[in-house]
Amino acid sequence: GLHDLGAAARMTSRRLLVATAARAPPTAARMLPSTPPTRSFAGHSKWHNIRQRKGAQDKRRAAMFSKAAAELESASKACSGDETNFRLQAAILKAKGVNMPKDSISKAVARGASGAGGEGETTRYEGMGPSAVAVIVECLTTSKNRTSKEIRHLFSKHGGMMESEGAVMWNFEHQGLVKLGMADEATGTAYEEEVLFEAGLEAGASEIVFEEAGGDVDADESTEALALIYTDPKELAAVGRELETAGFPLKGLEFVYTPKSTVEITEEESQLAFGDFLEALEEQEDVQSVFHNAAE
């Protein structure tokens, strides 16, 4: 609800220095042969909390399932249902991440493998949202013309503007993201952060963020605590395999765009307006992912 806004706004990321090339050298205890990744801690996304206020959980869940199914079908069609395929594995993990039932996942994979579904193609749009926030929108669509018009309309309606390819991309870094659970799935025993940090380091991480659990438990939209392992996008599949083989619970494999600089939205009215814009984008049927540079 709105009463959560103040608390959410105060839940800013807590960045802890480990070592980077541009900062102070590591301590003797952390001396490593190559530049180690940064390590940081983050609360649950402020923007997710702001968008919870409308409470349309059933509608949102149905939309998430529909989008997950579209990506499952498309990925499955491209690899004939081979579940060892990287893109299909990533789609399955994403579907599990939104609590899509296993039976629904299996049916979507089968539809794609049979050629009965999976007609969509991926496309990406860029623009400036409200409060001069840079936004990247990734879609899976059967009609680029229709989707382009609808995304452009949403930018305009919410006080922004869709722009040409490359207009905001320069302010983002393309990265691979491996999401790991923070507890052993068999025993429920929580991993020490240091164990996950060292594992990510060994696998080739460039940054590791420990994300707190959050969300709305009552609405079945809670999220578990995760270790977010950022890596070179070309190495994503290999890093994911290495960490999974080491026994860590793999929760996600994604290509993401992380901002090089962020925009602080301080006014409550502006925060709500930006939250509305994100919600409108995510409710559009073809949108798969939204990236932005609004500070958390």
C-alpha atoms as a PDB file:
ATOM      1  CA  GLY A   1       0.000   0.000   0.000  1.00  0.00           C
ATOM      2  CA  LEU A   2       0.899   3.681  -0.078  1.00  0.00           C
ATOM      3  CA  HIS A   3       2.005   3.461   3.528  1.00  0.00           C
ATOM      4  CA  ASP A   4       4.837   1.201   2.353  1.00  0.00           C
ATOM      5  CA  LEU A   5       6.221   3.914   0.086  1.00  0.00           C
ATOM      6  CA  GLY A   6       8.327   5.734   2.660  1.00  0.00           C
ATOM      7  CA  ALA A   7       9.885   2.554   3.976  1.00  0.00           C
ATOM      8  CA  ALA A   8      10.479   1.296   0.460  1.00  0.00           C
ATOM      9  CA  ALA A   9      12.110   4.551  -0.564  1.00  0.00           C
ATOM     10  CA  ARG A  10      14.485   4.321   2.394  1.00  0.00           C
ATOM     11  CA  MET A  11      15.467   0.752   1.491  1.00  0.00           C
ATOM     12  CA  THR A  12      18.397   1.842  -0.632  1.00  0.00           C
ATOM     13  CA  SER A  13      21.170  -0.521  -1.703  1.00  0.00           C
ATOM     14  CA  ARG A  14      24.052  -0.839   0.725  1.00  0.00           C
ATOM     15  CA  ARG A  15      27.248  -1.016  -1.293  1.00  0.00           C
ATOM     16  CA  LEU A  16      30.266  -2.565   0.406  1.00  0.00           C
ATOM     17  CA  LEU A  17      33.705  -2.173  -1.105  1.00  0.00           C
ATOM     18  CA  VAL A  18      35.577  -5.368  -1.749  1.00  0.00           C
ATOM     19  CA  ALA A  19      37.930  -4.247  -4.494  1.00  0.00           C
ATOM     20  CA  THR A  20      37.780  -2.948  -8.025  1.00  0.00           C
ATOM     21  CA  ALA A  21      40.434  -1.725 -10.389  1.00  0.00           C
ATOM     22  CA  ALA A  22      39.304   1.892  -9.943  1.00  0.00           C
ATOM     23  CA  ARG A  23      39.253   1.811  -6.150  1.00  0.00           C
ATOM     24  CA  ALA A  24      41.616   1.092  -3.304  1.00  0.00           C
ATOM     25  CA  PRO A  25      43.581  -2.174  -3.538  1.00  0.00           C
ATOM     26  CA  PRO A  26      42.321  -5.195  -1.613  1.00  0.00           C
ATOM     27  CA  THR A  27      43.577  -5.945   1.860  1.00  0.00           C
ATOM     28  CA  ALA A  28      46.255  -8.543   2.359  1.00  0.00           C
ATOM     29  CA  ALA A  29      43.609 -11.078   3.338  1.00  0.00           C
ATOM     30  CA  ARG A  30      41.822 -10.533   0.026  1.00  0.00           C
ATOM     31  CA  MET A  31      44.815 -10.279  -2.315  1.00  0.00           C
ATOM     32  CA  LEU A  32      43.988 -12.143  -5.490  1.00  0.00           C
ATOM     33  CA  PRO A  33      45.826 -12.774  -8.747  1.00  0.00           C
ATOM     34  CA  SER A  34      43.233 -10.833 -10.757  1.00  0.00           C
ATOM     35  CA  THR A  35      40.807  -8.016 -10.016  1.00  0.00           C
ATOM     36  CA  PRO A  36      38.097  -9.517  -7.799  1.00  0.00           C
ATOM     37  CA  PRO A  37      34.440  -8.684  -8.285  1.00  0.00           C
ATOM     38  CA  THR A  38      32.660  -6.121  -6.162  1.00  0.00           C
ATOM     39  CA  ARG A  39      30.302  -7.388  -3.505  1.00  0.00           C
ATOM     40  CA  SER A  40      27.207  -5.514  -2.411  1.00  0.00           C
ATOM     41  CA  PHE A  41      23.898  -5.910  -0.638  1.00  0.00           C
ATOM     42  CA  ALA A  42      20.486  -4.783  -1.825  1.00  0.00           C
ATOM     43  CA  GLY A  43      17.021  -4.531  -0.384  1.00  0.00           C
ATOM     44  CA  HIS A  44      13.988  -5.610  -2.373  1.00  0.00           C
ATOM     45  CA  SER A  45      13.257  -3.258  -5.295  1.00  0.00           C
ATOM     46  CA  LYS A  46      11.528  -0.032  -4.296  1.00  0.00           C
ATOM     47  CA  TRP A  47       9.726   0.048  -7.647  1.00  0.00           C
ATOM     48  CA  HIS A  48       8.297  -3.428  -7.122  1.00  0.00           C
ATOM     49  CA  ASN A  49       6.914  -2.345  -3.748  1.00  0.00           C
ATOM     50  CA  ILE A  50       5.374   0.829  -5.170  1.00  0.00           C
ATOM     51  CA  ARG A  51       3.612  -1.149  -7.900  1.00  0.00           C
ATOM     52  CA  GLN A  52       2.143  -3.550  -5.308  1.00  0.00           C
ATOM     53  CA  ARG A  53      -0.255  -0.899  -4.063  1.00  0.00           C
ATOM     54  CA  LYS A  54      -2.997  -1.622  -6.604  1.00  0.00           C
ATOM     55  CA  GLY A  55      -3.290  -5.202  -5.443  1.00  0.00           C
ATOM     56  CA  ALA A  56      -4.292  -6.717  -8.806  1.00  0.00           C
ATOM     57  CA  GLN A  57      -2.384  -9.900  -7.988  1.00  0.00           C
ATOM     58  CA  ASP A  58      -4.498 -12.341 -10.000  1.00  0.00           C
ATOM     59  CA  LYS A  59      -4.335 -10.219 -13.141  1.00  0.00           C
ATOM     60  CA  ARG A  60      -0.581  -9.765 -12.766  1.00  0.00           C
ATOM     61  CA  ARG A  61      -0.001 -13.458 -12.156  1.00  0.00           C
ATOM     62  CA  ALA A  62      -2.029 -14.456 -15.242  1.00  0.00           C
ATOM     63  CA  ALA A  63      -0.021 -12.004 -17.345  1.00  0.00           C
ATOM     64  CA  MET A  64       3.279 -13.380 -16.000  1.00  0.00           C
ATOM     65  CA  PHE A  65       2.213 -16.934 -16.813  1.00  0.00           C
ATOM     66  CA  SER A  66       1.150 -15.930 -20.326  1.00  0.00           C
ATOM     67  CA  LYS A  67       4.479 -14.221 -21.001  1.00  0.00           C
ATOM     68  CA  ALA A  68       6.455 -17.104 -19.518  1.00  0.00           C
ATOM     69  CA  ALA A  69       4.525 -19.532 -21.743  1.00  0.00           C
ATOM     70  CA  ALA A  70       5.273 -17.438 -24.845  1.00  0.00           C
ATOM     71  CA  GLU A  71       8.996 -17.474 -24.110  1.00  0.00           C
ATOM     72  CA  LEU A  72       8.925 -21.212 -23.293  1.00  0.00           C
ATOM     73  CA  GLU A  73       7.209 -21.975 -26.611  1.00  0.00           C
ATOM     74  CA  SER A  74       9.572 -19.759 -28.610  1.00  0.00           C
ATOM     75  CA  ALA A  75      12.689 -21.176 -26.948  1.00  0.00           C
ATOM     76  CA  SER A  76      11.427 -24.748 -27.251  1.00  0.00           C
ATOM     77  CA  LYS A  77      10.554 -24.339 -30.925  1.00  0.00           C
ATOM     78  CA  ALA A  78      14.058 -23.027 -31.669  1.00  0.00           C
ATOM     79  CA  CYS A  79      15.727 -26.096 -30.130  1.00  0.00           C
ATOM     80  CA  SER A  80      13.030 -28.749 -30.752  1.00  0.00           C
ATOM     81  CA  GLY A  81      12.364 -29.095 -27.034  1.00  0.00           C
ATOM     82  CA  ASP A  82      15.947 -29.886 -25.998  1.00  0.00           C
ATOM     83  CA  GLU A  83      15.928 -28.989 -22.281  1.00  0.00           C
ATOM     84  CA  THR A  84      19.727 -28.894 -22.185  1.00  0.00           C
ATOM     85  CA  ASN A  85      19.547 -25.910 -24.557  1.00  0.00           C
ATOM     86  CA  PHE A  86      20.643 -22.724 -22.793  1.00  0.00           C
ATOM     87  CA  ARG A  87      17.761 -20.500 -23.891  1.00  0.00           C
ATOM     88  CA  LEU A  88      15.134 -23.092 -23.019  1.00  0.00           C
ATOM     89  CA  GLN A  89      16.782 -23.792 -19.657  1.00  0.00           C
ATOM     90  CA  ALA A  90      16.719 -20.047 -18.932  1.00  0.00           C
ATOM     91  CA  ALA A  91      13.038 -19.847 -19.925  1.00  0.00           C
ATOM     92  CA  ILE A  92      12.151 -22.765 -17.641  1.00  0.00           C
ATOM     93  CA  LEU A  93      13.959 -21.139 -14.713  1.00  0.00           C
ATOM     94  CA  LYS A  94      12.173 -17.845 -15.388  1.00  0.00           C
ATOM     95  CA  ALA A  95       8.800 -19.620 -15.453  1.00  0.00           C
ATOM     96  CA  LYS A  96       9.591 -21.358 -12.167  1.00  0.00           C
ATOM     97  CA  GLY A  97      10.616 -17.975 -10.774  1.00  0.00           C
ATOM     98  CA  VAL A  98       7.058 -16.639 -11.245  1.00  0.00           C
ATOM     99  CA  ASN A  99       5.634 -19.835  -9.695  1.00  0.00           C
ATOM    100  CA  MET A 100       4.204 -21.156 -12.955  1.00  0.00           C
ATOM    101  CA  PRO A 101       2.876 -24.716 -12.332  1.00  0.00           C
ATOM    102  CA  LYS A 102       5.155 -27.520 -13.548  1.00  0.00           C
ATOM    103  CA  ASP A 103       2.359 -28.968 -15.702  1.00  0.00           C
ATOM    104  CA  SER A 104       1.899 -25.624 -17.470  1.00  0.00           C
ATOM    105  CA  ILE A 105       5.635 -25.387 -18.106  1.00  0.00           C
ATOM    106  CA  SER A 106       5.719 -28.899 -19.597  1.00  0.00           C
ATOM    107  CA  LYS A 107       2.750 -28.173 -21.862  1.00  0.00           C
ATOM    108  CA  ALA A 108       4.307 -24.932 -23.138  1.00  0.00           C
ATOM    109  CA  VAL A 109       7.592 -26.704 -23.900  1.00  0.00           C
ATOM    110  CA  ALA A 110       5.691 -29.453 -25.727  1.00  0.00           C
ATOM    111  CA  ARG A 111       3.702 -26.922 -27.791  1.00  0.00           C
ATOM    112  CA  GLY A 112       6.888 -25.235 -28.907  1.00  0.00           C
ATOM    113  CA  ALA A 113       8.656 -28.483 -29.702  1.00  0.00           C
ATOM    114  CA  SER A 114       5.718 -29.652 -31.824  1.00  0.00           C
ATOM    115  CA  GLY A 115       5.679 -26.415 -33.811  1.00  0.00           C
ATOM    116  CA  ALA A 116       2.173 -25.575 -32.583  1.00  0.00           C
ATOM    117  CA  GLY A 117       3.387 -22.447 -30.772  1.00  0.00           C
ATOM    118  CA  GLY A 118       6.380 -20.196 -30.457  1.00  0.00           C
ATOM    119  CA  GLU A 119       5.771 -17.897 -33.406  1.00  0.00           C
ATOM    120  CA  GLY A 120       7.023 -14.742 -31.669  1.00  0.00           C
ATOM    121  CA  GLU A 121      10.255 -12.887 -32.382  1.00  0.00           C
ATOM    122  CA  THR A 122      12.254 -10.747 -29.979  1.00  0.00           C
ATOM    123  CA  THR A 123      12.554  -7.003 -30.344  1.00  0.00           C
ATOM    124  CA  ARG A 124      13.853  -4.160 -28.189  1.00  0.00           C
ATOM    125  CA  TYR A 125      12.763  -0.562 -27.687  1.00  0.00           C
ATOM    126  CA  GLU A 126      14.489   2.366 -25.995  1.00  0.00           C
ATOM    127  CA  GLY A 127      13.341   5.698 -24.686  1.00  0.00           C
ATOM    128  CA  MET A 128      13.097   8.236 -21.890  1.00  0.00           C
ATOM    129  CA  GLY A 129      10.422   7.635 -19.280  1.00  0.00           C
ATOM    130  CA  PRO A 130       8.994  10.090 -16.735  1.00  0.00           C
ATOM    131  CA  SER A 131      11.582  11.972 -14.619  1.00  0.00           C
ATOM    132  CA  ALA A 132      14.084  11.611 -17.499  1.00  0.00           C
ATOM    133  CA  VAL A 133      14.751   7.956 -16.676  1.00  0.00           C
ATOM    134  CA  ALA A 134      16.377   5.907 -19.444  1.00  0.00           C
ATOM    135  CA  VAL A 135      14.369   2.758 -20.229  1.00  0.00           C
ATOM    136  CA  ILE A 136      14.984  -0.382 -22.305  1.00  0.00           C
ATOM    137  CA  VAL A 137      12.014  -2.643 -23.087  1.00  0.00           C
ATOM    138  CA  GLU A 138      12.450  -6.184 -24.439  1.00  0.00           C
ATOM    139  CA  CYS A 139       9.473  -7.817 -26.139  1.00  0.00           C
ATOM    140  CA  LEU A 140       8.459 -11.110 -27.725  1.00  0.00           C
ATOM    141  CA  THR A 141       5.878 -10.404 -30.408  1.00  0.00           C
ATOM    142  CA  THR A 142       4.066 -11.804 -33.428  1.00  0.00           C
ATOM    143  CA  SER A 143       3.642  -8.267 -34.840  1.00  0.00           C
ATOM    144  CA  LYS A 144       6.501  -5.813 -34.480  1.00  0.00           C
ATOM    145  CA  ASN A 145       4.398  -3.056 -36.042  1.00  0.00           C
ATOM    146  CA  ARG A 146       1.601  -3.448 -33.476  1.00  0.00           C
ATOM    147  CA  THR A 147       3.967  -3.772 -30.530  1.00  0.00           C
ATOM    148  CA  SER A 148       6.015  -0.746 -31.596  1.00  0.00           C
ATOM    149  CA  LYS A 149       2.884   1.409 -31.724  1.00  0.00           C
ATOM    150  CA  GLU A 150       1.690   0.198 -28.320  1.00  0.00           C
ATOM    151  CA  ILE A 151       5.054   0.730 -26.595  1.00  0.00           C
ATOM    152  CA  ARG A 152       5.378   4.182 -28.174  1.00  0.00           C
ATOM    153  CA  HIS A 153       1.886   5.036 -26.893  1.00  0.00           C
ATOM    154  CA  LEU A 154       2.781   3.958 -23.351  1.00  0.00           C
ATOM    155  CA  PHE A 155       5.907   6.126 -23.337  1.00  0.00           C
ATOM    156  CA  SER A 156       3.895   9.134 -24.551  1.00  0.00           C
ATOM    157  CA  LYS A 157       0.948   8.538 -22.218  1.00  0.00           C
ATOM    158  CA  HIS A 158       3.224   8.563 -19.181  1.00  0.00           C
ATOM    159  CA  GLY A 159       5.170  11.690 -20.106  1.00  0.00           C
ATOM    160  CA  GLY A 160       8.104  10.044 -21.850  1.00  0.00           C
ATOM    161  CA  MET A 161       9.204   9.399 -25.409  1.00  0.00           C
ATOM    162  CA  MET A 162      10.259   6.291 -27.294  1.00  0.00           C
ATOM    163  CA  GLU A 163      13.462   6.976 -29.180  1.00  0.00           C
ATOM    164  CA  SER A 164      15.597   5.377 -31.863  1.00  0.00           C
ATOM    165  CA  GLU A 165      17.852   2.385 -31.326  1.00  0.00           C
ATOM    166  CA  GLY A 166      20.966   3.309 -29.360  1.00  0.00           C
ATOM    167  CA  ALA A 167      19.463   6.460 -27.830  1.00  0.00           C
ATOM    168  CA  VAL A 168      19.895   5.245 -24.235  1.00  0.00           C
ATOM    169  CA  MET A 169      21.795   1.982 -24.684  1.00  0.00           C
ATOM    170  CA  TRP A 170      25.113   3.784 -24.209  1.00  0.00           C
ATOM    171  CA  ASN A 171      24.219   4.300 -20.541  1.00  0.00           C
ATOM    172  CA  PHE A 172      23.823   0.557 -19.881  1.00  0.00           C
ATOM    173  CA  GLU A 173      26.183  -2.381 -19.674  1.00  0.00           C
ATOM    174  CA  HIS A 174      25.067  -5.699 -21.177  1.00  0.00           C
ATOM    175  CA  GLN A 175      25.742  -8.431 -18.615  1.00  0.00           C
ATOM    176  CA  GLY A 176      24.937 -12.032 -17.877  1.00  0.00           C
ATOM    177  CA  LEU A 177      23.156 -12.732 -14.588  1.00  0.00           C
ATOM    178  CA  VAL A 178      23.137 -16.022 -12.707  1.00  0.00           C
ATOM    179  CA  LYS A 179      20.681 -16.162  -9.800  1.00  0.00           C
ATOM    180  CA  LEU A 180      21.515 -18.580  -7.000  1.00  0.00           C
ATOM    181  CA  GLY A 181      19.392 -19.558  -4.008  1.00  0.00           C
ATOM    182  CA  MET A 182      20.908 -18.749  -0.626  1.00  0.00           C
ATOM    183  CA  ALA A 183      20.112 -22.135   0.917  1.00  0.00           C
ATOM    184  CA  ASP A 184      20.767 -25.808   0.192  1.00  0.00           C
ATOM    185  CA  GLU A 185      17.569 -27.168  -1.397  1.00  0.00           C
ATOM    186  CA  ALA A 186      17.922 -30.612   0.191  1.00  0.00           C
ATOM    187  CA  THR A 187      18.603 -29.554   3.767  1.00  0.00           C
ATOM    188  CA  GLY A 188      17.354 -25.969   3.882  1.00  0.00           C
ATOM    189  CA  THR A 189      20.648 -24.908   5.439  1.00  0.00           C
ATOM    190  CA  ALA A 190      21.581 -21.339   4.523  1.00  0.00           C
ATOM    191  CA  TYR A 191      24.894 -20.799   2.755  1.00  0.00           C
ATOM    192  CA  GLU A 192      27.405 -18.395   4.224  1.00  0.00           C
ATOM    193  CA  GLU A 193      27.745 -15.371   1.958  1.00  0.00           C
ATOM    194  CA  GLU A 194      31.478 -15.954   1.846  1.00  0.00           C
ATOM    195  CA  VAL A 195      30.923 -19.428   0.360  1.00  0.00           C
ATOM    196  CA  LEU A 196      28.756 -18.031  -2.435  1.00  0.00           C
ATOM    197  CA  PHE A 197      31.150 -15.137  -2.981  1.00  0.00           C
ATOM    198  CA  GLU A 198      34.140 -17.446  -3.389  1.00  0.00           C
ATOM    199  CA  ALA A 199      32.147 -19.737  -5.706  1.00  0.00           C
ATOM    200  CA  GLY A 200      31.148 -16.790  -7.868  1.00  0.00           C
ATOM    201  CA  LEU A 201      34.725 -15.575  -7.910  1.00  0.00           C
ATOM    202  CA  GLU A 202      35.997 -18.984  -9.022  1.00  0.00           C
ATOM    203  CA  ALA A 203      33.362 -19.130 -11.769  1.00  0.00           C
ATOM    204  CA  GLY A 204      34.360 -15.738 -13.183  1.00  0.00           C
ATOM    205  CA  ALA A 205      31.912 -13.216 -11.700  1.00  0.00           C
ATOM    206  CA  SER A 206      32.455  -9.490 -12.251  1.00  0.00           C
ATOM    207  CA  GLU A 207      30.075  -8.448  -9.457  1.00  0.00           C
ATOM    208  CA  ILE A 208      28.115 -10.257  -6.759  1.00  0.00           C
ATOM    209  CA  VAL A 209      25.035  -8.765  -5.104  1.00  0.00           C
ATOM    210  CA  PHE A 210      23.253 -10.390  -2.172  1.00  0.00           C
ATOM    211  CA  GLU A 211      19.562  -9.548  -2.455  1.00  0.00           C
ATOM    212  CA  GLU A 212      17.304  -9.714   0.566  1.00  0.00           C
ATOM    213  CA  ALA A 213      13.995 -11.560   0.483  1.00  0.00           C
ATOM    214  CA  GLY A 214      10.982  -9.333  -0.065  1.00  0.00           C
ATOM    215  CA  GLY A 215       7.581  -8.909  -1.679  1.00  0.00           C
ATOM    216  CA  ASP A 216       4.069  -9.613  -0.506  1.00  0.00           C
ATOM    217  CA  VAL A 217       3.824 -13.003   1.201  1.00  0.00           C
ATOM    218  CA  ASP A 218       0.033 -12.788   1.580  1.00  0.00           C
ATOM    219  CA  ALA A 219      -0.366 -12.185  -2.143  1.00  0.00           C
ATOM    220  CA  ASP A 220       1.945 -15.102  -2.998  1.00  0.00           C
ATOM    221  CA  GLU A 221       4.405 -12.635  -4.522  1.00  0.00           C
ATOM    222  CA  SER A 222       7.235 -13.029  -2.047  1.00  0.00           C
ATOM    223  CA  THR A 223      10.771 -13.428  -3.335  1.00  0.00           C
ATOM    224  CA  GLU A 224      13.502 -15.468  -1.725  1.00  0.00           C
ATOM    225  CA  ALA A 225      16.945 -14.173  -0.849  1.00  0.00           C
ATOM    226  CA  LEU A 226      19.314 -14.570  -3.794  1.00  0.00           C
ATOM    227  CA  ALA A 227      22.950 -14.268  -4.732  1.00  0.00           C
ATOM    228  CA  LEU A 228      23.089 -12.353  -8.019  1.00  0.00           C
ATOM    229  CA  ILE A 229      26.215 -13.324  -9.958  1.00  0.00           C
ATOM    230  CA  TYR A 230      26.976 -10.858 -12.756  1.00  0.00           C
ATOM    231  CA  THR A 231      29.303 -11.951 -15.524  1.00  0.00           C
ATOM    232  CA  ASP A 232      30.391 -11.316 -19.089  1.00  0.00           C
ATOM    233  CA  PRO A 233      27.352 -12.148 -21.270  1.00  0.00           C
ATOM    234  CA  LYS A 234      29.453 -14.481 -23.429  1.00  0.00           C
ATOM    235  CA  GLU A 235      30.314 -16.491 -20.311  1.00  0.00           C
ATOM    236  CA  LEU A 236      26.795 -16.714 -18.849  1.00  0.00           C
ATOM    237  CA  ALA A 237      26.055 -20.294 -19.883  1.00  0.00           C
ATOM    238  CA  ALA A 238      29.458 -21.556 -18.741  1.00  0.00           C
ATOM    239  CA  VAL A 239      29.289 -19.744 -15.378  1.00  0.00           C
ATOM    240  CA  GLY A 240      25.761 -21.036 -14.774  1.00  0.00           C
ATOM    241  CA  ARG A 241      26.803 -24.605 -15.550  1.00  0.00           C
ATOM    242  CA  GLU A 242      29.846 -24.383 -13.296  1.00  0.00           C
ATOM    243  CA  LEU A 243      27.851 -23.103 -10.321  1.00  0.00           C
ATOM    244  CA  GLU A 244      25.070 -25.632 -10.846  1.00  0.00           C
ATOM    245  CA  THR A 245      27.605 -28.457 -11.132  1.00  0.00           C
ATOM    246  CA  ALA A 246      29.145 -27.262  -7.850  1.00  0.00           C
ATOM    247  CA  GLY A 247      25.775 -27.954  -6.229  1.00  0.00           C
ATOM    248  CA  PHE A 248      24.321 -24.474  -5.817  1.00  0.00           C
ATOM    249  CA  PRO A 249      20.565 -24.059  -6.527  1.00  0.00           C
ATOM    250  CA  LEU A 250      20.224 -22.338  -9.898  1.00  0.00           C
ATOM    251  CA  LYS A 251      17.265 -19.914  -9.861  1.00  0.00           C
ATOM    252  CA  GLY A 252      17.803 -17.919 -13.011  1.00  0.00           C
ATOM    253  CA  LEU A 253      19.930 -17.315 -16.119  1.00  0.00           C
ATOM    254  CA  GLU A 254      19.338 -13.944 -17.759  1.00  0.00           C
ATOM    255  CA  PHE A 255      20.870 -11.343 -20.020  1.00  0.00           C
ATOM    256  CA  VAL A 256      20.392  -7.955 -18.373  1.00  0.00           C
ATOM    257  CA  TYR A 257      21.199  -4.292 -18.931  1.00  0.00           C
ATOM    258  CA  THR A 258      22.633  -2.577 -15.843  1.00  0.00           C
ATOM    259  CA  PRO A 259      22.866   1.235 -15.741  1.00  0.00           C
ATOM    260  CA  LYS A 260      26.272   2.931 -15.688  1.00  0.00           C
ATOM    261  CA  SER A 261      24.712   5.938 -13.928  1.00  0.00           C
ATOM    262  CA  THR A 262      21.369   6.381 -12.185  1.00  0.00           C
ATOM    263  CA  VAL A 263      18.676   9.044 -11.807  1.00  0.00           C
ATOM    264  CA  GLU A 264      17.340   9.784  -8.326  1.00  0.00           C
ATOM    265  CA  ILE A 265      13.567  10.305  -8.161  1.00  0.00           C
ATOM    266  CA  THR A 266      12.932  12.125  -4.884  1.00  0.00           C
ATOM    267  CA  GLU A 267       9.364  13.478  -5.061  1.00  0.00           C
ATOM    268  CA  GLU A 268       6.670  11.004  -3.955  1.00  0.00           C
ATOM    269  CA  GLU A 269       4.366  12.047  -6.813  1.00  0.00           C
ATOM    270  CA  SER A 270       7.140  11.432  -9.334  1.00  0.00           C
ATOM    271  CA  GLN A 271       7.923   8.064  -7.770  1.00  0.00           C
ATOM    272  CA  LEU A 272       4.292   7.037  -8.114  1.00  0.00           C
ATOM    273  CA  ALA A 273       4.203   8.255 -11.727  1.00  0.00           C
ATOM    274  CA  PHE A 274       7.266   6.202 -12.599  1.00  0.00           C
ATOM    275  CA  GLY A 275       5.807   3.189 -10.803  1.00  0.00           C
ATOM    276  CA  ASP A 276       2.641   3.572 -12.885  1.00  0.00           C
ATOM    277  CA  PHE A 277       4.732   3.671 -16.075  1.00  0.00           C
ATOM    278  CA  LEU A 278       6.588   0.471 -15.152  1.00  0.00           C
ATOM    279  CA  GLU A 279       3.322  -1.236 -14.301  1.00  0.00           C
ATOM    280  CA  ALA A 280       1.786  -0.195 -17.632  1.00  0.00           C
ATOM    281  CA  LEU A 281       4.784  -1.577 -19.526  1.00  0.00           C
ATOM    282  CA  GLU A 282       4.704  -4.866 -17.634  1.00  0.00           C
ATOM    283  CA  GLU A 283       0.964  -5.243 -18.279  1.00  0.00           C
ATOM    284  CA  GLN A 284       1.514  -4.928 -22.041  1.00  0.00           C
ATOM    285  CA  GLU A 285       1.213  -8.491 -23.352  1.00  0.00           C
ATOM    286  CA  ASP A 286       4.429  -8.567 -25.418  1.00  0.00           C
ATOM    287  CA  VAL A 287       6.809  -7.079 -22.840  1.00  0.00           C
ATOM    288  CA  GLN A 288       9.217  -9.630 -21.394  1.00  0.00           C
ATOM    289  CA  SER A 289      11.728  -7.430 -19.544  1.00  0.00           C
ATOM    290  CA  VAL A 290      12.135  -3.782 -18.575  1.00  0.00           C
ATOM    291  CA  PHE A 291      15.461  -2.195 -17.589  1.00  0.00           C
ATOM    292  CA  HIS A 292      15.900   1.377 -16.334  1.00  0.00           C
ATOM    293  CA  ASN A 293      18.347   3.659 -14.578  1.00  0.00           C
ATOM    294  CA  ALA A 294      16.138   4.969 -11.773  1.00  0.00           C
ATOM    295  CA  ALA A 295      18.013   4.661  -8.485  1.00  0.00           C
ATOM    296  CA  GLU A 296      16.594   2.012  -6.153  1.00  0.00           C
END
